[in-house]
Amino acid sequence: MASLKVRGRQHISVYQALIKEPGGSRARRSSAERHFCSRCGSGLWLFSPQWPELIHPFASAIDTPLPVPPEHTHLTLDSMAPWVEIDWQPHDLQFAHYPEESIDQWHARLDLQR
């Protein structure tokens, strides 16, 4: 989070999804906070108190150059729409669900941290 710089913070709103309890009509508010621009609706980042040292920015909200990774991780492939075409590269990893490796661990392993 130390590298996040935000201009126009007064235009940022936070949304917390309502999650229905299984088998019931009651709902609880998600602890994850989705930050977005209140003027145009663009998604900016997600923060979860479950991982307080991390934020998860939407790629479309990053306006600084990023390194090109030597591999990509394709995940939740078991729920991908049938019309999705993936540009598989030789070193890419594939997972039906979520891998054990976190996003932070992936960046560290590939030396992509700033």
C-alpha atoms as a PDB file:
ATOM      1  CA  MET A   1       0.000   0.000   0.000  1.00  0.00           C
ATOM      2  CA  ALA A   2       2.967   2.287   0.479  1.00  0.00           C
ATOM      3  CA  SER A   3       3.308   2.770  -3.297  1.00  0.00           C
ATOM      4  CA  LEU A   4      -0.334   3.799  -3.847  1.00  0.00           C
ATOM      5  CA  LYS A   5      -0.765   7.462  -4.719  1.00  0.00           C
ATOM      6  CA  VAL A   6      -4.272   8.795  -5.251  1.00  0.00           C
ATOM      7  CA  ARG A   7      -5.310  12.119  -6.728  1.00  0.00           C
ATOM      8  CA  GLY A   8      -8.935  13.226  -6.388  1.00  0.00           C
ATOM      9  CA  ARG A   9      -9.573  11.202  -3.234  1.00  0.00           C
ATOM     10  CA  GLN A  10     -12.707  13.305  -2.611  1.00  0.00           C
ATOM     11  CA  HIS A  11     -14.290  11.523  -5.610  1.00  0.00           C
ATOM     12  CA  ILE A  12     -13.693   7.999  -4.303  1.00  0.00           C
ATOM     13  CA  SER A  13     -16.601   5.963  -2.972  1.00  0.00           C
ATOM     14  CA  VAL A  14     -16.527   2.584  -1.267  1.00  0.00           C
ATOM     15  CA  TYR A  15     -18.935  -0.290  -1.888  1.00  0.00           C
ATOM     16  CA  GLN A  16     -19.294  -3.363   0.314  1.00  0.00           C
ATOM     17  CA  ALA A  17     -21.331  -6.146  -1.267  1.00  0.00           C
ATOM     18  CA  LEU A  18     -24.213  -7.790   0.547  1.00  0.00           C
ATOM     19  CA  ILE A  19     -23.712 -11.548   0.850  1.00  0.00           C
ATOM     20  CA  LYS A  20     -26.768 -13.742   1.374  1.00  0.00           C
ATOM     21  CA  GLU A  21     -26.463 -16.335   4.094  1.00  0.00           C
ATOM     22  CA  PRO A  22     -26.869 -19.901   2.732  1.00  0.00           C
ATOM     23  CA  GLY A  23     -30.446 -21.132   2.930  1.00  0.00           C
ATOM     24  CA  GLY A  24     -31.836 -17.903   4.288  1.00  0.00           C
ATOM     25  CA  SER A  25     -33.019 -14.470   3.349  1.00  0.00           C
ATOM     26  CA  ARG A  26     -30.594 -12.642   5.654  1.00  0.00           C
ATOM     27  CA  ALA A  27     -27.559 -10.892   4.208  1.00  0.00           C
ATOM     28  CA  ARG A  28     -24.347  -9.613   5.711  1.00  0.00           C
ATOM     29  CA  ARG A  29     -22.031  -6.917   4.445  1.00  0.00           C
ATOM     30  CA  SER A  30     -18.759  -8.158   2.950  1.00  0.00           C
ATOM     31  CA  SER A  31     -15.624  -6.991   4.749  1.00  0.00           C
ATOM     32  CA  ALA A  32     -13.966  -6.337   1.359  1.00  0.00           C
ATOM     33  CA  GLU A  33     -14.102  -2.703   0.240  1.00  0.00           C
ATOM     34  CA  ARG A  34     -14.396  -1.957  -3.471  1.00  0.00           C
ATOM     35  CA  HIS A  35     -13.152   1.559  -4.187  1.00  0.00           C
ATOM     36  CA  PHE A  36     -14.429   3.325  -7.292  1.00  0.00           C
ATOM     37  CA  CYS A  37     -14.752   6.784  -8.799  1.00  0.00           C
ATOM     38  CA  SER A  38     -18.060   8.326  -7.731  1.00  0.00           C
ATOM     39  CA  ARG A  39     -18.067  10.553 -10.823  1.00  0.00           C
ATOM     40  CA  CYS A  40     -17.606   7.986 -13.614  1.00  0.00           C
ATOM     41  CA  GLY A  41     -18.016   4.620 -11.847  1.00  0.00           C
ATOM     42  CA  SER A  42     -14.571   3.260 -12.762  1.00  0.00           C
ATOM     43  CA  GLY A  43     -13.306   0.508 -10.489  1.00  0.00           C
ATOM     44  CA  LEU A  44     -10.039   1.501  -8.780  1.00  0.00           C
ATOM     45  CA  TRP A  45      -8.981  -1.065  -6.179  1.00  0.00           C
ATOM     46  CA  LEU A  46     -10.173  -3.632  -3.684  1.00  0.00           C
ATOM     47  CA  PHE A  47      -9.067  -3.700  -0.062  1.00  0.00           C
ATOM     48  CA  SER A  48      -9.761  -6.541   2.360  1.00  0.00           C
ATOM     49  CA  PRO A  49      -8.998  -6.411   6.086  1.00  0.00           C
ATOM     50  CA  GLN A  50      -8.220 -10.119   5.701  1.00  0.00           C
ATOM     51  CA  TRP A  51      -4.951  -8.991   4.013  1.00  0.00           C
ATOM     52  CA  PRO A  52      -4.366  -5.494   5.461  1.00  0.00           C
ATOM     53  CA  GLU A  53      -0.898  -5.136   3.914  1.00  0.00           C
ATOM     54  CA  LEU A  54      -2.265  -5.540   0.363  1.00  0.00           C
ATOM     55  CA  ILE A  55      -4.491  -3.685  -2.038  1.00  0.00           C
ATOM     56  CA  HIS A  56      -5.682  -5.146  -5.318  1.00  0.00           C
ATOM     57  CA  PRO A  57      -5.826  -2.441  -8.015  1.00  0.00           C
ATOM     58  CA  PHE A  58      -7.823  -2.807 -11.198  1.00  0.00           C
ATOM     59  CA  ALA A  59      -5.301  -2.950 -14.041  1.00  0.00           C
ATOM     60  CA  SER A  60      -7.244  -0.240 -15.889  1.00  0.00           C
ATOM     61  CA  ALA A  61      -6.619   2.186 -12.994  1.00  0.00           C
ATOM     62  CA  ILE A  62      -2.810   1.928 -13.085  1.00  0.00           C
ATOM     63  CA  ASP A  63      -1.262   4.847 -14.970  1.00  0.00           C
ATOM     64  CA  THR A  64       2.446   4.081 -14.513  1.00  0.00           C
ATOM     65  CA  PRO A  65       4.583   1.667 -16.547  1.00  0.00           C
ATOM     66  CA  LEU A  66       4.704  -1.893 -15.239  1.00  0.00           C
ATOM     67  CA  PRO A  67       7.249  -4.635 -16.000  1.00  0.00           C
ATOM     68  CA  VAL A  68       6.191  -7.360 -18.436  1.00  0.00           C
ATOM     69  CA  PRO A  69       6.053 -10.654 -16.478  1.00  0.00           C
ATOM     70  CA  PRO A  70       7.837 -13.734 -17.852  1.00  0.00           C
ATOM     71  CA  GLU A  71       4.715 -15.820 -17.167  1.00  0.00           C
ATOM     72  CA  HIS A  72       1.015 -15.429 -16.457  1.00  0.00           C
ATOM     73  CA  THR A  73      -1.206 -17.368 -14.067  1.00  0.00           C
ATOM     74  CA  HIS A  74      -4.637 -18.279 -15.416  1.00  0.00           C
ATOM     75  CA  LEU A  75      -7.022 -19.159 -12.586  1.00  0.00           C
ATOM     76  CA  THR A  76     -10.636 -20.099 -11.937  1.00  0.00           C
ATOM     77  CA  LEU A  77     -10.663 -21.773 -15.347  1.00  0.00           C
ATOM     78  CA  ASP A  78     -13.458 -24.096 -14.204  1.00  0.00           C
ATOM     79  CA  SER A  79     -15.872 -21.148 -14.274  1.00  0.00           C
ATOM     80  CA  MET A  80     -14.628 -19.390 -17.398  1.00  0.00           C
ATOM     81  CA  ALA A  81     -17.194 -18.571 -20.072  1.00  0.00           C
ATOM     82  CA  PRO A  82     -17.037 -20.972 -23.044  1.00  0.00           C
ATOM     83  CA  TRP A  83     -16.417 -18.122 -25.487  1.00  0.00           C
ATOM     84  CA  VAL A  84     -13.245 -16.911 -23.716  1.00  0.00           C
ATOM     85  CA  GLU A  85     -10.054 -17.430 -25.715  1.00  0.00           C
ATOM     86  CA  ILE A  86      -6.813 -17.438 -23.742  1.00  0.00           C
ATOM     87  CA  ASP A  87      -3.476 -16.587 -25.316  1.00  0.00           C
ATOM     88  CA  TRP A  88      -1.505 -19.388 -23.630  1.00  0.00           C
ATOM     89  CA  GLN A  89       2.244 -18.840 -23.458  1.00  0.00           C
ATOM     90  CA  PRO A  90       4.795 -21.658 -22.841  1.00  0.00           C
ATOM     91  CA  HIS A  91       5.582 -20.746 -19.194  1.00  0.00           C
ATOM     92  CA  ASP A  92       2.019 -19.861 -18.142  1.00  0.00           C
ATOM     93  CA  LEU A  93       0.427 -21.639 -15.175  1.00  0.00           C
ATOM     94  CA  GLN A  94      -3.170 -22.918 -15.229  1.00  0.00           C
ATOM     95  CA  PHE A  95      -5.513 -23.561 -12.307  1.00  0.00           C
ATOM     96  CA  ALA A  96      -9.142 -24.688 -12.166  1.00  0.00           C
ATOM     97  CA  HIS A  97      -9.586 -22.760  -8.906  1.00  0.00           C
ATOM     98  CA  TYR A  98      -7.262 -20.448  -6.963  1.00  0.00           C
ATOM     99  CA  PRO A  99      -3.609 -21.504  -6.582  1.00  0.00           C
ATOM    100  CA  GLU A 100      -1.890 -21.714  -3.208  1.00  0.00           C
ATOM    101  CA  GLU A 101       0.537 -18.980  -4.292  1.00  0.00           C
ATOM    102  CA  SER A 102      -0.746 -15.476  -3.464  1.00  0.00           C
ATOM    103  CA  ILE A 103      -0.454 -12.502  -5.811  1.00  0.00           C
ATOM    104  CA  ASP A 104       2.234 -11.085  -3.519  1.00  0.00           C
ATOM    105  CA  GLN A 105       4.176 -14.383  -3.584  1.00  0.00           C
ATOM    106  CA  TRP A 106       3.893 -14.505  -7.396  1.00  0.00           C
ATOM    107  CA  HIS A 107       5.381 -10.996  -7.658  1.00  0.00           C
ATOM    108  CA  ALA A 108       8.216 -11.901  -5.256  1.00  0.00           C
ATOM    109  CA  ARG A 109       9.023 -15.177  -7.064  1.00  0.00           C
ATOM    110  CA  LEU A 110       9.285 -13.369 -10.404  1.00  0.00           C
ATOM    111  CA  ASP A 111      11.162 -10.408  -8.894  1.00  0.00           C
ATOM    112  CA  LEU A 112       8.419  -7.990  -9.995  1.00  0.00           C
ATOM    113  CA  GLN A 113       8.173  -6.047  -6.741  1.00  0.00           C
ATOM    114  CA  ARG A 114       9.096  -2.385  -6.568  1.00  0.00           C
END
